């Protein structure tokens, strides 16, 4: 069976990332600051793929150009890989952190105030 989002745990992904790191003796370089910088750099590389393109062009290109879609997938994977490595080094349970942050965001943006609005919670 092909491993997809539907049948892969965060722990499995963390283990894959850790195996890659350990086989190459990269743990010595995986420090919180460096991994945070790595996440930012990889996010910048993802953003670069959208530079000077409209939303319509991006969506159309994603549908019609497999290489563009793969480039985006690769950069997104780099961001997630860096986040997994960061979570491992800092011993942050990523699933718990995401759930808790979504709850905090939901509390900051109650449906009755935020529905259909693209405003910061302080402006609602």
PDB file of N, CA and C in Angstrom:
ATOM      1  N   UNK A   1       0.829  -1.174   0.000  1.00  0.00           N
ATOM      2  CA  UNK A   1       0.000   0.000   0.000  1.00  0.00           C
ATOM      3  C   UNK A   1       0.884   1.252   0.000  1.00  0.00           C
ATOM      4  N   UNK A   2       0.551   2.194  -0.866  1.00  0.00           N
ATOM      5  CA  UNK A   2       1.292   3.449  -0.945  1.00  0.00           C
ATOM      6  C   UNK A   2       1.037   4.269   0.317  1.00  0.00           C
ATOM      7  N   UNK A   3       2.112   4.824   0.880  1.00  0.00           N
ATOM      8  CA  UNK A   3       1.985   5.659   2.069  1.00  0.00           C
ATOM      9  C   UNK A   3       1.558   7.072   1.651  1.00  0.00           C
ATOM     10  N   UNK A   4       0.462   7.536   2.230  1.00  0.00           N
ATOM     11  CA  UNK A   4      -0.085   8.859   1.944  1.00  0.00           C
ATOM     12  C   UNK A   4      -0.401   9.563   3.256  1.00  0.00           C
ATOM     13  N   UNK A   5      -0.944  10.772   3.164  1.00  0.00           N
ATOM     14  CA  UNK A   5      -1.375  11.479   4.370  1.00  0.00           C
ATOM     15  C   UNK A   5      -2.343  10.642   5.190  1.00  0.00           C
ATOM     16  N   UNK A   6      -3.202   9.897   4.501  1.00  0.00           N
ATOM     17  CA  UNK A   6      -4.259   9.143   5.173  1.00  0.00           C
ATOM     18  C   UNK A   6      -3.729   7.983   6.017  1.00  0.00           C
ATOM     19  N   UNK A   7      -2.528   7.506   5.712  1.00  0.00           N
ATOM     20  CA  UNK A   7      -2.041   6.338   6.448  1.00  0.00           C
ATOM     21  C   UNK A   7      -0.599   6.488   6.944  1.00  0.00           C
ATOM     22  N   UNK A   8      -0.185   7.713   7.178  1.00  0.00           N
ATOM     23  CA  UNK A   8       1.151   7.990   7.693  1.00  0.00           C
ATOM     24  C   UNK A   8       1.030   8.870   8.935  1.00  0.00           C
ATOM     25  N   UNK A   9       1.735   8.499   9.987  1.00  0.00           N
ATOM     26  CA  UNK A   9       1.700   9.306  11.208  1.00  0.00           C
ATOM     27  C   UNK A   9       2.840  10.328  11.205  1.00  0.00           C
ATOM     28  N   UNK A  10       2.689  11.336  12.024  1.00  0.00           N
ATOM     29  CA  UNK A  10       3.763  12.310  12.199  1.00  0.00           C
ATOM     30  C   UNK A  10       5.001  11.602  12.742  1.00  0.00           C
ATOM     31  N   UNK A  11       4.793  10.656  13.648  1.00  0.00           N
ATOM     32  CA  UNK A  11       5.936   9.930  14.213  1.00  0.00           C
ATOM     33  C   UNK A  11       6.701   9.167  13.140  1.00  0.00           C
ATOM     34  N   UNK A  12       6.003   8.600  12.173  1.00  0.00           N
ATOM     35  CA  UNK A  12       6.687   7.912  11.074  1.00  0.00           C
ATOM     36  C   UNK A  12       7.548   8.886  10.277  1.00  0.00           C
ATOM     37  N   UNK A  13       7.011  10.062  10.006  1.00  0.00           N
ATOM     38  CA  UNK A  13       7.777  11.066   9.264  1.00  0.00           C
ATOM     39  C   UNK A  13       8.978  11.546  10.076  1.00  0.00           C
ATOM     40  N   UNK A  14       8.785  11.747  11.377  1.00  0.00           N
ATOM     41  CA  UNK A  14       9.900  12.147  12.228  1.00  0.00           C
ATOM     42  C   UNK A  14      10.990  11.077  12.233  1.00  0.00           C
ATOM     43  N   UNK A  15      10.582   9.815  12.252  1.00  0.00           N
ATOM     44  CA  UNK A  15      11.550   8.717  12.240  1.00  0.00           C
ATOM     45  C   UNK A  15      12.324   8.679  10.924  1.00  0.00           C
ATOM     46  N   UNK A  16      11.639   8.908   9.805  1.00  0.00           N
ATOM     47  CA  UNK A  16      12.327   8.956   8.503  1.00  0.00           C
ATOM     48  C   UNK A  16      13.348  10.093   8.478  1.00  0.00           C
ATOM     49  N   UNK A  17      12.944  11.264   8.965  1.00  0.00           N
ATOM     50  CA  UNK A  17      13.844  12.419   8.984  1.00  0.00           C
ATOM     51  C   UNK A  17      15.039  12.152   9.900  1.00  0.00           C
ATOM     52  N   UNK A  18      14.779  11.532  11.040  1.00  0.00           N
ATOM     53  CA  UNK A  18      15.854  11.240  11.979  1.00  0.00           C
ATOM     54  C   UNK A  18      16.808  10.196  11.405  1.00  0.00           C
ATOM     55  N   UNK A  19      16.294   9.211  10.704  1.00  0.00           N
ATOM     56  CA  UNK A  19      17.137   8.190  10.067  1.00  0.00           C
ATOM     57  C   UNK A  19      18.058   8.835   9.027  1.00  0.00           C
ATOM     58  N   UNK A  20      17.512   9.703   8.194  1.00  0.00           N
ATOM     59  CA  UNK A  20      18.317  10.412   7.202  1.00  0.00           C
ATOM     60  C   UNK A  20      19.429  11.188   7.891  1.00  0.00           C
ATOM     61  N   UNK A  21      19.056  11.918   8.954  1.00  0.00           N
ATOM     62  CA  UNK A  21      20.029  12.710   9.719  1.00  0.00           C
ATOM     63  C   UNK A  21      21.107  11.823  10.316  1.00  0.00           C
ATOM     64  N   UNK A  22      20.700  10.763  10.999  1.00  0.00           N
ATOM     65  CA  UNK A  22      21.656   9.932  11.727  1.00  0.00           C
ATOM     66  C   UNK A  22      22.591   9.167  10.801  1.00  0.00           C
ATOM     67  N   UNK A  23      22.090   8.696   9.666  1.00  0.00           N
ATOM     68  CA  UNK A  23      22.939   7.975   8.713  1.00  0.00           C
ATOM     69  C   UNK A  23      24.034   8.866   8.138  1.00  0.00           C
ATOM     70  N   UNK A  24      23.817  10.164   8.157  1.00  0.00           N
ATOM     71  CA  UNK A  24      24.786  11.105   7.591  1.00  0.00           C
ATOM     72  C   UNK A  24      25.582  11.864   8.662  1.00  0.00           C
ATOM     73  N   UNK A  25      25.359  11.512   9.928  1.00  0.00           N
ATOM     74  CA  UNK A  25      26.034  12.179  11.043  1.00  0.00           C
ATOM     75  C   UNK A  25      25.767  13.687  11.040  1.00  0.00           C
ATOM     76  N   UNK A  26      24.513  14.051  10.804  1.00  0.00           N
ATOM     77  CA  UNK A  26      24.140  15.463  10.774  1.00  0.00           C
ATOM     78  C   UNK A  26      23.548  15.961  12.089  1.00  0.00           C
ATOM     79  N   UNK A  27      23.363  15.088  13.061  1.00  0.00           N
ATOM     80  CA  UNK A  27      22.780  15.525  14.332  1.00  0.00           C
ATOM     81  C   UNK A  27      23.604  16.654  14.950  1.00  0.00           C
ATOM     82  N   UNK A  28      24.908  16.615  14.724  1.00  0.00           N
ATOM     83  CA  UNK A  28      25.790  17.654  15.267  1.00  0.00           C
ATOM     84  C   UNK A  28      25.439  19.054  14.740  1.00  0.00           C
ATOM     85  N   UNK A  29      24.767  19.113  13.589  1.00  0.00           N
ATOM     86  CA  UNK A  29      24.401  20.398  12.994  1.00  0.00           C
ATOM     87  C   UNK A  29      22.948  20.788  13.279  1.00  0.00           C
ATOM     88  N   UNK A  30      22.193  19.844  13.785  1.00  0.00           N
ATOM     89  CA  UNK A  30      20.759  20.082  14.012  1.00  0.00           C
ATOM     90  C   UNK A  30      20.551  20.698  15.388  1.00  0.00           C
ATOM     91  N   UNK A  31      20.635  21.995  15.421  1.00  0.00           N
ATOM     92  CA  UNK A  31      20.401  22.785  16.627  1.00  0.00           C
ATOM     93  C   UNK A  31      19.173  23.651  16.363  1.00  0.00           C
ATOM     94  N   UNK A  32      18.450  24.022  17.413  1.00  0.00           N
ATOM     95  CA  UNK A  32      17.204  24.776  17.195  1.00  0.00           C
ATOM     96  C   UNK A  32      17.364  26.002  16.295  1.00  0.00           C
ATOM     97  N   UNK A  33      18.399  26.796  16.537  1.00  0.00           N
ATOM     98  CA  UNK A  33      18.577  28.007  15.725  1.00  0.00           C
ATOM     99  C   UNK A  33      18.780  27.662  14.255  1.00  0.00           C
ATOM    100  N   UNK A  34      19.647  26.699  13.986  1.00  0.00           N
ATOM    101  CA  UNK A  34      19.915  26.335  12.594  1.00  0.00           C
ATOM    102  C   UNK A  34      18.679  25.763  11.917  1.00  0.00           C
ATOM    103  N   UNK A  35      17.904  24.973  12.640  1.00  0.00           N
ATOM    104  CA  UNK A  35      16.703  24.388  12.052  1.00  0.00           C
ATOM    105  C   UNK A  35      15.613  25.442  11.846  1.00  0.00           C
ATOM    106  N   UNK A  36      15.526  26.426  12.732  1.00  0.00           N
ATOM    107  CA  UNK A  36      14.582  27.523  12.535  1.00  0.00           C
ATOM    108  C   UNK A  36      14.980  28.336  11.296  1.00  0.00           C
ATOM    109  N   UNK A  37      16.263  28.590  11.141  1.00  0.00           N
ATOM    110  CA  UNK A  37      16.750  29.294   9.954  1.00  0.00           C
ATOM    111  C   UNK A  37      16.445  28.465   8.708  1.00  0.00           C
ATOM    112  N   UNK A  38      16.677  27.164   8.799  1.00  0.00           N
ATOM    113  CA  UNK A  38      16.403  26.273   7.668  1.00  0.00           C
ATOM    114  C   UNK A  38      14.927  26.339   7.269  1.00  0.00           C
ATOM    115  N   UNK A  39      14.031  26.321   8.250  1.00  0.00           N
ATOM    116  CA  UNK A  39      12.603  26.423   7.929  1.00  0.00           C
ATOM    117  C   UNK A  39      12.306  27.706   7.171  1.00  0.00           C
ATOM    118  N   UNK A  40      12.887  28.800   7.626  1.00  0.00           N
ATOM    119  CA  UNK A  40      12.660  30.087   6.983  1.00  0.00           C
ATOM    120  C   UNK A  40      13.209  30.116   5.560  1.00  0.00           C
ATOM    121  N   UNK A  41      14.388  29.582   5.374  1.00  0.00           N
ATOM    122  CA  UNK A  41      14.990  29.543   4.038  1.00  0.00           C
ATOM    123  C   UNK A  41      14.155  28.681   3.098  1.00  0.00           C
ATOM    124  N   UNK A  42      13.751  27.515   3.577  1.00  0.00           N
ATOM    125  CA  UNK A  42      12.945  26.623   2.738  1.00  0.00           C
ATOM    126  C   UNK A  42      11.583  27.259   2.423  1.00  0.00           C
ATOM    127  N   UNK A  43      10.999  27.970   3.378  1.00  0.00           N
ATOM    128  CA  UNK A  43       9.739  28.673   3.107  1.00  0.00           C
ATOM    129  C   UNK A  43       9.957  29.749   2.049  1.00  0.00           C
ATOM    130  N   UNK A  44      11.103  30.409   2.087  1.00  0.00           N
ATOM    131  CA  UNK A  44      11.441  31.396   1.064  1.00  0.00           C
ATOM    132  C   UNK A  44      11.571  30.766  -0.312  1.00  0.00           C
ATOM    133  N   UNK A  45      12.160  29.581  -0.362  1.00  0.00           N
ATOM    134  CA  UNK A  45      12.285  28.885  -1.649  1.00  0.00           C
ATOM    135  C   UNK A  45      10.914  28.483  -2.185  1.00  0.00           C
ATOM    136  N   UNK A  46       9.999  28.118  -1.301  1.00  0.00           N
ATOM    137  CA  UNK A  46       8.622  27.834  -1.708  1.00  0.00           C
ATOM    138  C   UNK A  46       7.963  29.110  -2.237  1.00  0.00           C
ATOM    139  N   UNK A  47       8.129  30.192  -1.524  1.00  0.00           N
ATOM    140  CA  UNK A  47       7.557  31.471  -1.964  1.00  0.00           C
ATOM    141  C   UNK A  47       8.081  31.915  -3.320  1.00  0.00           C
ATOM    142  N   UNK A  48       9.351  31.637  -3.561  1.00  0.00           N
ATOM    143  CA  UNK A  48       9.959  32.048  -4.832  1.00  0.00           C
ATOM    144  C   UNK A  48       9.216  31.461  -6.035  1.00  0.00           C
ATOM    145  N   UNK A  49       8.630  30.293  -5.862  1.00  0.00           N
ATOM    146  CA  UNK A  49       7.894  29.655  -6.962  1.00  0.00           C
ATOM    147  C   UNK A  49       6.606  30.399  -7.325  1.00  0.00           C
ATOM    148  N   UNK A  50       6.177  31.313  -6.458  1.00  0.00           N
ATOM    149  CA  UNK A  50       4.965  32.090  -6.702  1.00  0.00           C
ATOM    150  C   UNK A  50       5.242  33.531  -7.117  1.00  0.00           C
ATOM    151  N   UNK A  51       6.503  33.914  -7.080  1.00  0.00           N
ATOM    152  CA  UNK A  51       6.880  35.293  -7.352  1.00  0.00           C
ATOM    153  C   UNK A  51       6.422  35.746  -8.742  1.00  0.00           C
ATOM    154  N   UNK A  52       5.752  36.865  -8.782  1.00  0.00           N
ATOM    155  CA  UNK A  52       5.287  37.533 -10.001  1.00  0.00           C
ATOM    156  C   UNK A  52       4.178  36.773 -10.732  1.00  0.00           C
ATOM    157  N   UNK A  53       3.541  35.843 -10.057  1.00  0.00           N
ATOM    158  CA  UNK A  53       2.441  35.096 -10.674  1.00  0.00           C
ATOM    159  C   UNK A  53       1.135  35.439  -9.964  1.00  0.00           C
ATOM    160  N   UNK A  54       0.075  35.544 -10.714  1.00  0.00           N
ATOM    161  CA  UNK A  54      -1.238  35.755 -10.102  1.00  0.00           C
ATOM    162  C   UNK A  54      -1.767  34.430  -9.570  1.00  0.00           C
ATOM    163  N   UNK A  55      -2.775  34.498  -8.710  1.00  0.00           N
ATOM    164  CA  UNK A  55      -3.389  33.275  -8.187  1.00  0.00           C
ATOM    165  C   UNK A  55      -3.905  32.394  -9.316  1.00  0.00           C
ATOM    166  N   UNK A  56      -4.534  33.013 -10.315  1.00  0.00           N
ATOM    167  CA  UNK A  56      -5.068  32.234 -11.437  1.00  0.00           C
ATOM    168  C   UNK A  56      -3.968  31.512 -12.201  1.00  0.00           C
ATOM    169  N   UNK A  57      -2.863  32.195 -12.432  1.00  0.00           N
ATOM    170  CA  UNK A  57      -1.742  31.582 -13.144  1.00  0.00           C
ATOM    171  C   UNK A  57      -1.166  30.429 -12.314  1.00  0.00           C
ATOM    172  N   UNK A  58      -1.027  30.640 -11.022  1.00  0.00           N
ATOM    173  CA  UNK A  58      -0.492  29.596 -10.144  1.00  0.00           C
ATOM    174  C   UNK A  58      -1.374  28.355 -10.193  1.00  0.00           C
ATOM    175  N   UNK A  59      -2.671  28.534  -9.998  1.00  0.00           N
ATOM    176  CA  UNK A  59      -3.587  27.391  -9.986  1.00  0.00           C
ATOM    177  C   UNK A  59      -3.632  26.685 -11.328  1.00  0.00           C
ATOM    178  N   UNK A  60      -3.618  27.451 -12.404  1.00  0.00           N
ATOM    179  CA  UNK A  60      -3.627  26.861 -13.735  1.00  0.00           C
ATOM    180  C   UNK A  60      -2.340  26.084 -13.992  1.00  0.00           C
ATOM    181  N   UNK A  61      -1.212  26.657 -13.602  1.00  0.00           N
ATOM    182  CA  UNK A  61       0.076  26.006 -13.810  1.00  0.00           C
ATOM    183  C   UNK A  61       0.184  24.734 -12.969  1.00  0.00           C
ATOM    184  N   UNK A  62      -0.345  24.776 -11.761  1.00  0.00           N
ATOM    185  CA  UNK A  62      -0.350  23.574 -10.922  1.00  0.00           C
ATOM    186  C   UNK A  62      -1.081  22.422 -11.596  1.00  0.00           C
ATOM    187  N   UNK A  63      -2.176  22.736 -12.278  1.00  0.00           N
ATOM    188  CA  UNK A  63      -2.973  21.706 -12.954  1.00  0.00           C
ATOM    189  C   UNK A  63      -2.291  21.183 -14.213  1.00  0.00           C
ATOM    190  N   UNK A  64      -1.610  22.069 -14.937  1.00  0.00           N
ATOM    191  CA  UNK A  64      -1.111  21.729 -16.276  1.00  0.00           C
ATOM    192  C   UNK A  64       0.377  21.391 -16.343  1.00  0.00           C
ATOM    193  N   UNK A  65       1.131  21.752 -15.331  1.00  0.00           N
ATOM    194  CA  UNK A  65       2.578  21.586 -15.410  1.00  0.00           C
ATOM    195  C   UNK A  65       3.074  20.689 -14.270  1.00  0.00           C
ATOM    196  N   UNK A  66       3.297  19.411 -14.566  1.00  0.00           N
ATOM    197  CA  UNK A  66       3.733  18.486 -13.513  1.00  0.00           C
ATOM    198  C   UNK A  66       5.060  18.887 -12.850  1.00  0.00           C
ATOM    199  N   UNK A  67       5.971  19.474 -13.614  1.00  0.00           N
ATOM    200  CA  UNK A  67       7.251  19.883 -13.022  1.00  0.00           C
ATOM    201  C   UNK A  67       7.040  20.999 -11.995  1.00  0.00           C
ATOM    202  N   UNK A  68       6.197  21.964 -12.320  1.00  0.00           N
ATOM    203  CA  UNK A  68       5.903  23.054 -11.380  1.00  0.00           C
ATOM    204  C   UNK A  68       5.271  22.477 -10.112  1.00  0.00           C
ATOM    205  N   UNK A  69       4.318  21.575 -10.291  1.00  0.00           N
ATOM    206  CA  UNK A  69       3.659  20.945  -9.150  1.00  0.00           C
ATOM    207  C   UNK A  69       4.682  20.182  -8.298  1.00  0.00           C
ATOM    208  N   UNK A  70       5.606  19.467  -8.944  1.00  0.00           N
ATOM    209  CA  UNK A  70       6.622  18.725  -8.210  1.00  0.00           C
ATOM    210  C   UNK A  70       7.590  19.660  -7.495  1.00  0.00           C
ATOM    211  N   UNK A  71       7.957  20.765  -8.137  1.00  0.00           N
ATOM    212  CA  UNK A  71       8.832  21.748  -7.491  1.00  0.00           C
ATOM    213  C   UNK A  71       8.183  22.286  -6.219  1.00  0.00           C
ATOM    214  N   UNK A  72       6.894  22.585  -6.295  1.00  0.00           N
ATOM    215  CA  UNK A  72       6.173  23.073  -5.116  1.00  0.00           C
ATOM    216  C   UNK A  72       6.118  21.991  -4.044  1.00  0.00           C
ATOM    217  N   UNK A  73       5.815  20.763  -4.444  1.00  0.00           N
ATOM    218  CA  UNK A  73       5.777  19.650  -3.489  1.00  0.00           C
ATOM    219  C   UNK A  73       7.135  19.463  -2.814  1.00  0.00           C
ATOM    220  N   UNK A  74       8.209  19.570  -3.586  1.00  0.00           N
ATOM    221  CA  UNK A  74       9.555  19.408  -3.029  1.00  0.00           C
ATOM    222  C   UNK A  74       9.870  20.490  -2.004  1.00  0.00           C
ATOM    223  N   UNK A  75       9.539  21.729  -2.324  1.00  0.00           N
ATOM    224  CA  UNK A  75       9.825  22.824  -1.386  1.00  0.00           C
ATOM    225  C   UNK A  75       8.955  22.719  -0.133  1.00  0.00           C
ATOM    226  N   UNK A  76       7.689  22.354  -0.316  1.00  0.00           N
ATOM    227  CA  UNK A  76       6.816  22.144   0.843  1.00  0.00           C
ATOM    228  C   UNK A  76       7.376  21.020   1.719  1.00  0.00           C
ATOM    229  N   UNK A  77       7.826  19.946   1.093  1.00  0.00           N
ATOM    230  CA  UNK A  77       8.419  18.837   1.844  1.00  0.00           C
ATOM    231  C   UNK A  77       9.660  19.294   2.605  1.00  0.00           C
ATOM    232  N   UNK A  78      10.463  20.173   2.010  1.00  0.00           N
ATOM    233  CA  UNK A  78      11.636  20.699   2.706  1.00  0.00           C
ATOM    234  C   UNK A  78      11.232  21.492   3.955  1.00  0.00           C
ATOM    235  N   UNK A  79      10.171  22.283   3.845  1.00  0.00           N
ATOM    236  CA  UNK A  79       9.678  23.051   5.003  1.00  0.00           C
ATOM    237  C   UNK A  79       9.227  22.091   6.101  1.00  0.00           C
ATOM    238  N   UNK A  80       8.433  21.102   5.722  1.00  0.00           N
ATOM    239  CA  UNK A  80       7.919  20.136   6.705  1.00  0.00           C
ATOM    240  C   UNK A  80       9.064  19.326   7.306  1.00  0.00           C
ATOM    241  N   UNK A  81      10.018  18.913   6.475  1.00  0.00           N
ATOM    242  CA  UNK A  81      11.172  18.160   6.969  1.00  0.00           C
ATOM    243  C   UNK A  81      11.919  18.972   8.027  1.00  0.00           C
ATOM    244  N   UNK A  82      12.142  20.247   7.754  1.00  0.00           N
ATOM    245  CA  UNK A  82      12.823  21.101   8.728  1.00  0.00           C
ATOM    246  C   UNK A  82      12.000  21.231  10.012  1.00  0.00           C
ATOM    247  N   UNK A  83      10.681  21.330   9.876  1.00  0.00           N
ATOM    248  CA  UNK A  83       9.813  21.421  11.053  1.00  0.00           C
ATOM    249  C   UNK A  83       9.854  20.123  11.866  1.00  0.00           C
ATOM    250  N   UNK A  84       9.870  18.999  11.182  1.00  0.00           N
ATOM    251  CA  UNK A  84       9.963  17.715  11.880  1.00  0.00           C
ATOM    252  C   UNK A  84      11.281  17.606  12.635  1.00  0.00           C
ATOM    253  N   UNK A  85      12.364  18.022  11.987  1.00  0.00           N
ATOM    254  CA  UNK A  85      13.677  17.985  12.633  1.00  0.00           C
ATOM    255  C   UNK A  85      13.704  18.916  13.842  1.00  0.00           C
ATOM    256  N   UNK A  86      13.114  20.097  13.704  1.00  0.00           N
ATOM    257  CA  UNK A  86      13.045  21.057  14.806  1.00  0.00           C
ATOM    258  C   UNK A  86      12.255  20.466  15.975  1.00  0.00           C
ATOM    259  N   UNK A  87      11.110  19.863  15.661  1.00  0.00           N
ATOM    260  CA  UNK A  87      10.274  19.261  16.706  1.00  0.00           C
ATOM    261  C   UNK A  87      11.026  18.136  17.421  1.00  0.00           C
ATOM    262  N   UNK A  88      11.803  17.369  16.674  1.00  0.00           N
ATOM    263  CA  UNK A  88      12.569  16.275  17.271  1.00  0.00           C
ATOM    264  C   UNK A  88      13.625  16.810  18.227  1.00  0.00           C
ATOM    265  N   UNK A  89      14.400  17.783  17.759  1.00  0.00           N
ATOM    266  CA  UNK A  89      15.493  18.326  18.570  1.00  0.00           C
ATOM    267  C   UNK A  89      14.976  19.041  19.817  1.00  0.00           C
ATOM    268  N   UNK A  90      13.857  19.736  19.684  1.00  0.00           N
ATOM    269  CA  UNK A  90      13.316  20.494  20.812  1.00  0.00           C
ATOM    270  C   UNK A  90      12.347  19.672  21.661  1.00  0.00           C
ATOM    271  N   UNK A  91      12.118  18.424  21.250  1.00  0.00           N
ATOM    272  CA  UNK A  91      11.214  17.512  21.950  1.00  0.00           C
ATOM    273  C   UNK A  91       9.807  18.095  22.077  1.00  0.00           C
ATOM    274  N   UNK A  92       9.353  18.731  21.000  1.00  0.00           N
ATOM    275  CA  UNK A  92       7.992  19.251  20.934  1.00  0.00           C
ATOM    276  C   UNK A  92       7.120  18.217  20.241  1.00  0.00           C
ATOM    277  N   UNK A  93       6.027  17.857  20.898  1.00  0.00           N
ATOM    278  CA  UNK A  93       5.074  16.945  20.280  1.00  0.00           C
ATOM    279  C   UNK A  93       4.287  17.752  19.263  1.00  0.00           C
ATOM    280  N   UNK A  94       4.578  17.524  18.004  1.00  0.00           N
ATOM    281  CA  UNK A  94       4.029  18.345  16.931  1.00  0.00           C
ATOM    282  C   UNK A  94       2.514  18.247  16.839  1.00  0.00           C
ATOM    283  N   UNK A  95       1.966  17.055  16.960  1.00  0.00           N
ATOM    284  CA  UNK A  95       0.513  16.891  16.876  1.00  0.00           C
ATOM    285  C   UNK A  95      -0.183  17.682  17.981  1.00  0.00           C
ATOM    286  N   UNK A  96       0.348  17.612  19.191  1.00  0.00           N
ATOM    287  CA  UNK A  96      -0.227  18.361  20.307  1.00  0.00           C
ATOM    288  C   UNK A  96      -0.089  19.859  20.072  1.00  0.00           C
ATOM    289  N   UNK A  97       1.085  20.290  19.624  1.00  0.00           N
ATOM    290  CA  UNK A  97       1.313  21.712  19.382  1.00  0.00           C
ATOM    291  C   UNK A  97       0.346  22.258  18.329  1.00  0.00           C
ATOM    292  N   UNK A  98       0.147  21.509  17.249  1.00  0.00           N
ATOM    293  CA  UNK A  98      -0.755  21.963  16.181  1.00  0.00           C
ATOM    294  C   UNK A  98      -2.193  22.018  16.689  1.00  0.00           C
ATOM    295  N   UNK A  99      -2.617  20.970  17.376  1.00  0.00           N
ATOM    296  CA  UNK A  99      -3.993  20.968  17.919  1.00  0.00           C
ATOM    297  C   UNK A  99      -4.224  22.149  18.861  1.00  0.00           C
ATOM    298  N   UNK A 100      -3.263  22.381  19.761  1.00  0.00           N
ATOM    299  CA  UNK A 100      -3.401  23.476  20.726  1.00  0.00           C
ATOM    300  C   UNK A 100      -3.412  24.827  20.019  1.00  0.00           C
ATOM    301  N   UNK A 101      -2.584  24.989  19.002  1.00  0.00           N
ATOM    302  CA  UNK A 101      -2.535  26.261  18.275  1.00  0.00           C
ATOM    303  C   UNK A 101      -3.815  26.491  17.484  1.00  0.00           C
ATOM    304  N   UNK A 102      -4.362  25.445  16.887  1.00  0.00           N
ATOM    305  CA  UNK A 102      -5.640  25.594  16.174  1.00  0.00           C
ATOM    306  C   UNK A 102      -6.730  26.023  17.151  1.00  0.00           C
ATOM    307  N   UNK A 103      -6.739  25.460  18.347  1.00  0.00           N
ATOM    308  CA  UNK A 103      -7.731  25.849  19.366  1.00  0.00           C
ATOM    309  C   UNK A 103      -7.553  27.317  19.745  1.00  0.00           C
ATOM    310  N   UNK A 104      -6.309  27.746  19.970  1.00  0.00           N
ATOM    311  CA  UNK A 104      -6.042  29.148  20.303  1.00  0.00           C
ATOM    312  C   UNK A 104      -6.500  30.076  19.174  1.00  0.00           C
ATOM    313  N   UNK A 105      -6.238  29.667  17.931  1.00  0.00           N
ATOM    314  CA  UNK A 105      -6.654  30.473  16.785  1.00  0.00           C
ATOM    315  C   UNK A 105      -8.168  30.543  16.694  1.00  0.00           C
ATOM    316  N   UNK A 106      -8.830  29.429  16.922  1.00  0.00           N
ATOM    317  CA  UNK A 106     -10.303  29.417  16.910  1.00  0.00           C
ATOM    318  C   UNK A 106     -10.858  30.350  17.985  1.00  0.00           C
ATOM    319  N   UNK A 107     -10.221  30.376  19.148  1.00  0.00           N
ATOM    320  CA  UNK A 107     -10.664  31.266  20.228  1.00  0.00           C
ATOM    321  C   UNK A 107     -10.444  32.735  19.868  1.00  0.00           C
ATOM    322  N   UNK A 108      -9.343  33.031  19.188  1.00  0.00           N
ATOM    323  CA  UNK A 108      -9.044  34.411  18.776  1.00  0.00           C
ATOM    324  C   UNK A 108      -9.962  34.890  17.663  1.00  0.00           C
ATOM    325  N   UNK A 109     -10.406  33.938  16.846  1.00  0.00           N
ATOM    326  CA  UNK A 109     -11.235  34.257  15.684  1.00  0.00           C
ATOM    327  C   UNK A 109     -12.577  33.537  15.775  1.00  0.00           C
ATOM    328  N   UNK A 110     -13.455  33.997  16.690  1.00  0.00           N
ATOM    329  CA  UNK A 110     -14.759  33.343  16.797  1.00  0.00           C
ATOM    330  C   UNK A 110     -15.531  33.468  15.483  1.00  0.00           C
ATOM    331  N   UNK A 111     -16.254  32.411  15.147  1.00  0.00           N
ATOM    332  CA  UNK A 111     -16.978  32.355  13.875  1.00  0.00           C
ATOM    333  C   UNK A 111     -17.858  33.581  13.680  1.00  0.00           C
ATOM    334  N   UNK A 112     -18.577  33.958  14.718  1.00  0.00           N
ATOM    335  CA  UNK A 112     -19.521  35.073  14.574  1.00  0.00           C
ATOM    336  C   UNK A 112     -18.828  36.403  14.254  1.00  0.00           C
ATOM    337  N   UNK A 113     -17.550  36.526  14.571  1.00  0.00           N
ATOM    338  CA  UNK A 113     -16.811  37.759  14.258  1.00  0.00           C
ATOM    339  C   UNK A 113     -15.934  37.626  13.016  1.00  0.00           C
ATOM    340  N   UNK A 114     -15.406  36.445  12.770  1.00  0.00           N
ATOM    341  CA  UNK A 114     -14.381  36.284  11.740  1.00  0.00           C
ATOM    342  C   UNK A 114     -14.879  35.680  10.430  1.00  0.00           C
ATOM    343  N   UNK A 115     -16.051  35.118  10.418  1.00  0.00           N
ATOM    344  CA  UNK A 115     -16.542  34.405   9.233  1.00  0.00           C
ATOM    345  C   UNK A 115     -16.495  35.292   7.990  1.00  0.00           C
ATOM    346  N   UNK A 116     -15.728  34.852   6.985  1.00  0.00           N
ATOM    347  CA  UNK A 116     -15.638  35.562   5.712  1.00  0.00           C
ATOM    348  C   UNK A 116     -14.803  36.816   5.732  1.00  0.00           C
ATOM    349  N   UNK A 117     -14.077  37.056   6.817  1.00  0.00           N
ATOM    350  CA  UNK A 117     -13.283  38.278   6.939  1.00  0.00           C
ATOM    351  C   UNK A 117     -11.782  37.933   6.999  1.00  0.00           C
ATOM    352  N   UNK A 118     -11.002  38.726   6.314  1.00  0.00           N
ATOM    353  CA  UNK A 118      -9.550  38.554   6.316  1.00  0.00           C
ATOM    354  C   UNK A 118      -8.923  39.679   7.127  1.00  0.00           C
ATOM    355  N   UNK A 119      -9.282  39.716   8.396  1.00  0.00           N
ATOM    356  CA  UNK A 119      -8.748  40.741   9.289  1.00  0.00           C
ATOM    357  C   UNK A 119      -8.071  40.069  10.484  1.00  0.00           C
ATOM    358  N   UNK A 120      -7.085  40.777  11.031  1.00  0.00           N
ATOM    359  CA  UNK A 120      -6.437  40.288  12.224  1.00  0.00           C
ATOM    360  C   UNK A 120      -7.428  40.327  13.381  1.00  0.00           C
ATOM    361  N   UNK A 121      -7.267  39.412  14.327  1.00  0.00           N
ATOM    362  CA  UNK A 121      -8.210  39.304  15.433  1.00  0.00           C
ATOM    363  C   UNK A 121      -8.377  40.611  16.207  1.00  0.00           C
ATOM    364  N   UNK A 122      -7.353  41.433  16.221  1.00  0.00           N
ATOM    365  CA  UNK A 122      -7.441  42.704  16.942  1.00  0.00           C
ATOM    366  C   UNK A 122      -8.329  43.728  16.201  1.00  0.00           C
ATOM    367  N   UNK A 123      -8.646  43.431  14.940  1.00  0.00           N
ATOM    368  CA  UNK A 123      -9.454  44.337  14.138  1.00  0.00           C
ATOM    369  C   UNK A 123     -10.900  43.872  13.992  1.00  0.00           C
ATOM    370  N   UNK A 124     -11.233  42.746  14.574  1.00  0.00           N
ATOM    371  CA  UNK A 124     -12.591  42.219  14.436  1.00  0.00           C
ATOM    372  C   UNK A 124     -13.573  42.918  15.372  1.00  0.00           C
TER     373      UNK A 124
END
